Structures are given as structure tokens and as C-alpha cells.
Protein backbone atom coordinates (compact mmCIF):
# COMPACT_ATOMS: atom_id res chain seq x y z
CA UNK A 1 -0.59 27.15 9.62
CA UNK A 2 2.35 25.21 8.10
CA UNK A 3 1.15 22.07 9.88
CA UNK A 4 -2.34 22.47 8.42
CA UNK A 5 -0.95 22.99 4.93
CA UNK A 6 1.23 19.88 5.29
CA UNK A 7 -1.73 17.85 6.54
CA UNK A 8 -3.83 19.07 3.59
CA UNK A 9 -1.04 18.11 1.17
CA UNK A 10 -0.77 14.60 2.65
CA UNK A 11 -4.50 14.05 2.37
CA UNK A 12 -4.55 15.44 -1.18
CA UNK A 13 -1.75 13.16 -2.40
CA UNK A 14 -3.21 10.07 -0.78
CA UNK A 15 -6.71 10.86 -2.07
CA UNK A 16 -5.81 11.11 -5.76
CA UNK A 17 -6.73 7.46 -6.31
CA UNK A 18 -8.56 6.61 -3.11
CA UNK A 19 -12.11 7.81 -2.93
CA UNK A 20 -11.51 8.66 0.71
CA UNK A 21 -8.74 8.65 3.31
CA UNK A 22 -9.83 8.55 6.93
CA UNK A 23 -8.40 7.74 10.35
CA UNK A 24 -9.41 6.43 13.74
CA UNK A 25 -7.95 7.82 16.97
CA UNK A 26 -6.54 5.33 19.46
CA UNK A 27 -4.12 5.38 22.40
CA UNK A 28 -1.02 5.47 20.14
CA UNK A 29 -2.21 8.09 17.66
CA UNK A 30 -4.25 7.48 14.51
CA UNK A 31 -4.95 4.39 12.44
CA UNK A 32 -5.43 5.29 8.77
CA UNK A 33 -7.44 3.53 6.11
CA UNK A 34 -8.37 4.12 2.45
CA UNK A 35 -11.85 3.65 1.03
CA UNK A 36 -12.54 2.58 -2.57
CA UNK A 37 -15.99 2.29 -4.12
CA UNK A 38 -19.33 3.90 -3.33
CA UNK A 39 -21.47 0.88 -2.56
CA UNK A 40 -21.49 -2.89 -2.20
CA UNK A 41 -20.58 -5.42 0.46
CA UNK A 42 -17.52 -4.42 2.49
CA UNK A 43 -14.11 -6.01 1.92
CA UNK A 44 -11.18 -5.26 4.24
CA UNK A 45 -7.79 -5.71 2.56
CA UNK A 46 -4.61 -6.52 4.49
CA UNK A 47 -1.27 -6.00 2.75
CA UNK A 48 1.92 -8.04 3.10
CA UNK A 49 5.20 -7.44 4.85
CA UNK A 50 5.05 -7.11 7.73
CA UNK A 51 5.98 -3.46 7.30
CA UNK A 52 5.22 -3.15 3.57
CA UNK A 53 3.24 -0.23 2.24
CA UNK A 54 -0.46 -0.98 1.81
CA UNK A 55 -0.39 0.55 -1.69
CA UNK A 56 0.92 -2.79 -2.99
CA UNK A 57 -2.72 -3.90 -2.75
CA UNK A 58 -4.27 -0.74 -4.21
CA UNK A 59 -4.78 -2.28 -7.65
CA UNK A 60 -6.91 -4.98 -5.98
CA UNK A 61 -8.96 -2.38 -4.10
CA UNK A 62 -9.49 -0.30 -7.26
CA UNK A 63 -10.53 -3.31 -9.34
CA UNK A 64 -12.98 -4.67 -6.77
CA UNK A 65 -14.44 -1.23 -6.02
CA UNK A 66 -16.63 -1.51 -9.12
CA UNK A 67 -18.84 -3.99 -7.24
CA UNK A 68 -17.74 -3.81 -3.60
CA UNK A 69 -16.73 -1.20 -1.06
CA UNK A 70 -13.09 -1.84 -0.20
CA UNK A 71 -11.17 -0.72 2.87
CA UNK A 72 -7.38 -0.77 2.60
CA UNK A 73 -5.85 -0.59 6.07
CA UNK A 74 -2.52 1.08 6.77
CA UNK A 75 -1.37 -1.34 9.45
CA UNK A 76 0.12 0.02 12.64
CA UNK A 77 3.76 0.96 12.06
CA UNK A 78 3.32 1.47 8.29
CA UNK A 79 2.51 4.50 6.15
CA UNK A 80 0.65 7.18 8.07
CA UNK A 81 -0.33 4.82 10.91
CA UNK A 82 2.75 5.54 12.99
CA UNK A 83 2.30 4.93 16.74
CA UNK A 84 3.74 7.35 19.29
CA UNK A 85 5.98 4.51 20.47
CA UNK A 86 7.35 1.99 17.97
CA UNK A 87 8.69 -0.90 20.04
CA UNK A 88 7.88 -4.41 21.24
CA UNK A 89 5.00 -3.13 23.38
CA UNK A 90 3.11 -1.59 20.46
CA UNK A 91 4.03 -3.81 17.50
CA UNK A 92 2.54 -7.24 18.21
CA UNK A 93 0.26 -9.67 16.40
CA UNK A 94 -2.36 -9.14 19.14
CA UNK A 95 -2.29 -5.36 18.64
CA UNK A 96 -2.55 -5.80 14.87
CA UNK A 97 -5.66 -7.91 15.41
CA UNK A 98 -7.10 -5.35 17.82
CA UNK A 99 -6.61 -2.69 15.13
CA UNK A 100 -8.80 -4.69 12.74
CA UNK A 101 -11.52 -4.86 15.39
CA UNK A 102 -11.12 -1.12 15.92
CA UNK A 103 -11.66 -0.56 12.18
CA UNK A 104 -14.75 -2.81 12.02
CA UNK A 105 -16.28 -1.22 15.11
CA UNK A 106 -15.57 2.27 13.79
CA UNK A 107 -17.33 1.41 10.53
CA UNK A 108 -20.17 -0.36 12.39
CA UNK A 109 -19.60 -3.64 10.54
CA UNK A 110 -20.87 -6.76 12.26
CA UNK A 111 -18.98 -8.97 9.79
CA UNK A 112 -16.92 -8.49 6.62
CA UNK A 113 -15.11 -10.33 3.89
CA UNK A 114 -11.41 -10.26 4.77
CA UNK A 115 -8.74 -10.44 2.05
CA UNK A 116 -5.12 -10.91 3.12
CA UNK A 117 -2.00 -11.19 0.95
CA UNK A 118 1.25 -12.82 2.16
CA UNK A 119 1.83 -11.52 5.72
CA UNK A 120 -1.65 -10.00 5.42
CA UNK A 121 -2.91 -13.56 4.92
CA UNK A 122 -1.22 -14.69 8.13
CA UNK A 123 -2.69 -11.76 10.03
CA UNK A 124 -6.09 -12.25 8.38
CA UNK A 125 -6.16 -15.93 9.30
CA UNK A 126 -5.09 -15.19 12.86
CA UNK A 127 -7.82 -12.57 13.18
CA UNK A 128 -10.44 -14.85 11.63
CA UNK A 129 -9.85 -17.84 13.89
CA UNK A 130 -9.80 -15.62 16.99
CA UNK A 131 -12.82 -13.51 15.90
CA UNK A 132 -14.90 -15.83 13.68
CA UNK A 133 -18.11 -13.90 14.39
CA UNK A 134 -16.68 -10.88 12.53
CA UNK A 135 -15.93 -12.85 9.34
CA UNK A 136 -18.27 -13.45 6.42
CA UNK A 137 -15.64 -14.89 4.05
CA UNK A 138 -11.88 -15.26 4.34
CA UNK A 139 -9.65 -14.99 1.25
CA UNK A 140 -5.92 -15.66 1.61
CA UNK A 141 -3.49 -14.99 -1.24
CA UNK A 142 0.05 -16.41 -1.12
CA UNK A 143 -0.29 -16.66 2.63
CA UNK A 144 2.50 -17.50 5.06
CA UNK A 145 2.82 -20.13 7.75
CA UNK A 146 0.20 -21.01 10.36
CA UNK A 147 2.75 -21.56 13.13
CA UNK A 148 6.20 -20.36 14.13
CA UNK A 149 8.77 -22.79 12.75
CA UNK A 150 12.36 -21.81 11.93
CA UNK A 151 12.54 -24.68 9.45
CA UNK A 152 10.08 -22.82 7.21
CA UNK A 153 12.48 -19.90 6.75
CA UNK A 154 15.26 -22.30 5.73
CA UNK A 155 12.99 -23.97 3.17
CA UNK A 156 12.09 -20.57 1.70
CA UNK A 157 15.76 -19.54 1.55
CA UNK A 158 16.63 -22.82 -0.17
CA UNK A 159 13.80 -22.42 -2.69
CA UNK A 160 14.91 -18.87 -3.48
CA UNK A 161 18.47 -20.11 -3.99
CA UNK A 162 17.28 -22.56 -6.65
CA UNK A 163 15.99 -19.63 -8.69
CA UNK A 164 19.37 -17.98 -9.12
CA UNK A 165 22.73 -19.08 -10.48
CA UNK A 166 25.80 -19.16 -8.23
CA UNK A 167 27.26 -15.91 -9.64
CA UNK A 168 24.02 -13.97 -9.01
CA UNK A 169 23.82 -15.46 -5.54
CA UNK A 170 27.32 -14.12 -4.77
CA UNK A 171 26.51 -10.68 -6.19
CA UNK A 172 23.36 -10.47 -4.07
CA UNK A 173 25.29 -11.46 -0.94
CA UNK A 174 27.96 -8.83 -1.63
CA UNK A 175 25.36 -6.11 -2.29
CA UNK A 176 23.45 -7.04 0.85
CA UNK A 177 26.58 -6.78 3.00
CA UNK A 178 27.42 -3.37 1.53
CA UNK A 179 23.88 -2.14 2.14
CA UNK A 180 24.06 -3.28 5.76
CA UNK A 181 27.41 -1.49 6.14
CA UNK A 182 26.14 1.66 4.38
CA UNK A 183 28.84 1.38 1.71
CA UNK A 184 26.64 0.34 -1.25
CA UNK A 185 26.37 2.53 -4.33
CA UNK A 186 22.95 3.50 -5.72
CA UNK A 187 23.49 1.02 -8.55
CA UNK A 188 24.21 -1.79 -6.08
CA UNK A 189 21.09 -0.91 -4.07
CA UNK A 190 18.94 -0.99 -7.20
CA UNK A 191 20.52 -4.28 -8.31
CA UNK A 192 19.80 -5.86 -4.93
CA UNK A 193 16.18 -4.68 -4.79
CA UNK A 194 15.40 -5.50 -8.41
CA UNK A 195 17.07 -8.92 -8.39
CA UNK A 196 15.59 -10.12 -5.09
CA UNK A 197 12.16 -8.85 -6.13
CA UNK A 198 12.34 -10.71 -9.44
CA UNK A 199 12.40 -14.07 -7.66
CA UNK A 200 8.89 -13.45 -6.37
CA UNK A 201 7.66 -13.57 -9.98
CA UNK A 202 7.23 -16.32 -12.51
CA UNK A 203 8.39 -14.22 -15.47
CA UNK A 204 11.71 -12.62 -14.46
CA UNK A 205 11.97 -10.82 -17.79
CA UNK A 206 9.38 -8.39 -16.43
CA UNK A 207 11.66 -7.40 -13.53
CA UNK A 208 12.29 -3.87 -14.86
CA UNK A 209 8.62 -2.96 -15.35
CA UNK A 210 7.59 -4.53 -12.06
CA UNK A 211 10.44 -2.83 -10.19
CA UNK A 212 9.29 0.55 -11.52
CA UNK A 213 5.82 -0.18 -10.16
CA UNK A 214 7.13 -1.22 -6.75
CA UNK A 215 9.58 1.67 -6.55
CA UNK A 216 6.62 4.08 -6.50
CA UNK A 217 5.47 2.60 -3.19
CA UNK A 218 6.69 4.18 0.02
CA UNK A 219 9.53 2.15 1.55
CA UNK A 220 8.71 -0.66 3.94
CA UNK A 221 9.59 -0.08 7.58
CA UNK A 222 12.32 -2.61 8.50
CA UNK A 223 12.05 -1.83 12.22
CA UNK A 224 8.34 -2.61 12.24
CA UNK A 225 9.02 -5.83 10.36
CA UNK A 226 11.69 -6.99 12.83
CA UNK A 227 9.47 -6.15 15.81
CA UNK A 228 6.52 -8.09 14.37
CA UNK A 229 8.61 -11.15 13.50
CA UNK A 230 10.16 -11.04 16.99
CA UNK A 231 6.67 -11.10 18.50
CA UNK A 232 5.68 -13.88 16.10
CA UNK A 233 8.52 -16.03 17.44
CA UNK A 234 8.32 -14.88 21.08
CA UNK A 235 4.64 -15.81 21.39
CA UNK A 236 5.18 -19.08 19.53
CA UNK A 237 2.51 -18.15 16.98
CA UNK A 238 0.39 -21.23 16.32
CA UNK A 239 -3.07 -21.37 14.72
CA UNK A 240 -3.32 -25.13 14.24
CA UNK A 241 -5.77 -25.69 17.13
CA UNK A 242 -8.14 -22.68 16.73
CA UNK A 243 -8.11 -23.27 12.97
CA UNK A 244 -9.88 -26.59 13.44
CA UNK A 245 -13.02 -24.95 14.85
CA UNK A 246 -13.16 -22.11 12.28
CA UNK A 247 -16.27 -22.73 10.16
CA UNK A 248 -16.66 -19.68 7.93
CA UNK A 249 -16.06 -19.93 4.15
CA UNK A 250 -12.31 -19.93 3.57
CA UNK A 251 -10.49 -19.64 0.25
CA UNK A 252 -6.77 -20.11 -0.36
CA UNK A 253 -5.40 -18.56 -3.55
CA UNK A 254 -1.81 -18.98 -4.69
CA UNK A 255 0.33 -18.52 -7.78
CA UNK A 256 1.44 -21.94 -8.95
CA UNK A 257 5.05 -20.66 -9.28
CA UNK A 258 5.09 -18.93 -5.89
CA UNK A 259 7.89 -20.30 -3.71
CA UNK A 260 5.51 -19.88 -0.77
CA UNK A 261 3.10 -22.31 -2.47
CA UNK A 262 3.99 -25.17 -0.13
CA UNK A 263 2.56 -23.10 2.76
CA UNK A 264 -0.79 -22.80 0.99
CA UNK A 265 -0.81 -26.55 0.50
CA UNK A 266 0.06 -27.13 4.16
CA UNK A 267 -2.81 -24.84 5.16
CA UNK A 268 -5.16 -26.87 2.97
CA UNK A 269 -3.99 -30.05 4.74
CA UNK A 270 -4.55 -28.41 8.14
CA UNK A 271 -8.01 -27.20 7.05
CA UNK A 272 -9.41 -29.66 4.47
CA UNK A 273 -12.71 -27.75 4.13
CA UNK A 274 -10.87 -24.70 2.75
CA UNK A 275 -11.08 -24.14 -1.00
CA UNK A 276 -7.64 -24.11 -2.64
CA UNK A 277 -7.21 -22.38 -6.03
CA UNK A 278 -3.99 -22.26 -8.07
CA UNK A 279 -3.35 -19.31 -10.39
CA UNK A 280 -1.37 -20.31 -13.45
CA UNK A 281 1.74 -18.52 -14.75
CA UNK A 282 2.12 -16.50 -11.60
CA UNK A 283 4.38 -16.18 -8.59
CA UNK A 284 3.68 -14.22 -5.41
CA UNK A 285 1.90 -11.27 -7.06
CA UNK A 286 -0.76 -12.60 -9.48
CA UNK A 287 -2.48 -9.20 -9.57
CA UNK A 288 0.53 -8.00 -11.58
CA UNK A 289 1.48 -11.20 -13.42
CA UNK A 290 -1.83 -12.76 -14.39
CA UNK A 291 -4.54 -10.24 -13.53
CA UNK A 292 -7.13 -11.67 -15.94
CA UNK A 293 -7.20 -15.11 -14.27
CA UNK A 294 -6.70 -13.65 -10.79
CA UNK A 295 -9.66 -11.24 -10.90
CA UNK A 296 -11.90 -13.74 -12.67
CA UNK A 297 -11.30 -16.11 -9.74
CA UNK A 298 -11.80 -13.35 -7.15
CA UNK A 299 -15.16 -12.32 -8.59
CA UNK A 300 -16.32 -15.94 -8.77
CA UNK A 301 -15.51 -16.39 -5.07
CA UNK A 302 -16.97 -13.07 -3.96
CA UNK A 303 -20.18 -13.55 -5.98
CA UNK A 304 -20.91 -16.99 -4.50
């Protein structure tokens, strides 16, 4: 009885904003997804991370649900979609792609529009080039790299460093070390999270309000993230060849002030037929920084 009450409570909390919360059984448990909207063409939304909570993308799902039916996937190893075994055998890019196929088959969708943000863009692109027959349109926001390359991480670290003064850089390093050693105070933890998050945005003066929004999301799973990145490197992730033959409509969206912007430009070079759109006065999260321009662009693309 207690279990049933707990399950009811979980579904009630998650369903306050989502029109529906549902799940699909598979060998490792259940894969959960949220549904927004009552009608319209289907859009599957993939959140960033890897390991981040899918609720980061809920504002996108809610906004688009006025014209489309949106499906926000809780990726394996995040949120409620916890596999029985969380290790290198269950958390892989291939398994993450298989989960998308599982969702589409469960919903009886032959093809869908796929929207991926950050890591979700990497996963979305990987899925699209390996399963082009399931894709109607592909939208990638602030997407990551198309191949495993340790130089990319160094470039990103260097770009982040340019956005902070030397004293802040030292304070962040000290706070990070204390967090890793479990000696950090609550204030130091908040400072670290708020300060590092602020560098993903164009307007750092909004750090407090944005941090409050992000702090409502369930914590990311660091173990899942490490496992996925390990698989990314172990398999020598590389989409450069299959990308060439991908012929479905593809749109790259990116905040002009996003320090991942160079990756969007590199993707455009690798796939010249892709449509590249810059969103002004925005970093990595244009849905929070410049929603008016961001959603205007999204609707224009989706209505084509």
C-alpha cells in the first residue's frame, strides 16, 4: 500500500505541468516520458547533459504544445528512467539511440521532428544519421561535437577561462576541490554552481534568477554522465561519414554568445546543406535569455 501511495505521489507531482506522464517497459526497467499538448505533429525533445534532468527543456515543450504534441524523454539513467544496472553495459550512446526507437515504436510514429539541446543535440544527430527514415526534421540547439576529440574539451575550457577574471578562477578551483573532498560549505557549493552556470549565459547579471530556476530541477546524475562520456571516447564517436549521406531537413540553432558556438559552425562546415541560425544576445540557453527571438525562429522552422 505504501508503494502504491508513493507511486501515486510521484505521478501527481510530475503531472502538475505535463499533460501526461507515461512509461515503456524494457529489459532494464521503465523508460519514462512526458507528453505536452493535445494535438499536432509530434516533436520529440532531447535534453542536455548527459545526465541532466529533462525538465530543463520543459519550457520548450510547454511553449510548443500550443501547436504541436511534444514528447519530453527522460533519458536512461536520468530522472525516473533508472535502469536496474547503471554501468558501462547499460549507459552507452547505442543504448540511448535504441531508447529513442523504443519510444517511437511505442507511440507508433513512423517519423518525427527531433529537437535536441546540447548533449541532446549530439544524441539527436547520432540517432538521425543512423536512423534517417525515422526523421522528418532535425533541430539542434547549441549542439556538441560530431566526433570524439580531446582538443575540443581544451578549447571549451580555454573559452570558459576567458569569461572569468583570475581571482574568480582561483575561487572556483578552490570550491571545486572542496566539493570533491566533501569539505565544502553550503555557501561554497552554491557559489560554485551559480558562478559556473553564469558562464553559459550572455547576461551574467541574471545569474541569481537563472540559478533559482535551475535549482528547482532535480540534480544531474554525475555517474551517468561519466559513463556516457567514457562510452563516447571508448567507441571513438564519429559522425563525419554517415552525416554526409543524411538528407533530411536539418537546422542548427545557436546563441551567438554561446562558447559552444564554434561547434555549430564546424557542423555547418561538415554539412553545408544544414540551415544555421544565430540567436542574438544569448548564450547556451536562449529559451531563458532571449525567448522572443528563440521561439519566433522555432515556429518559423516548424511551420515550413
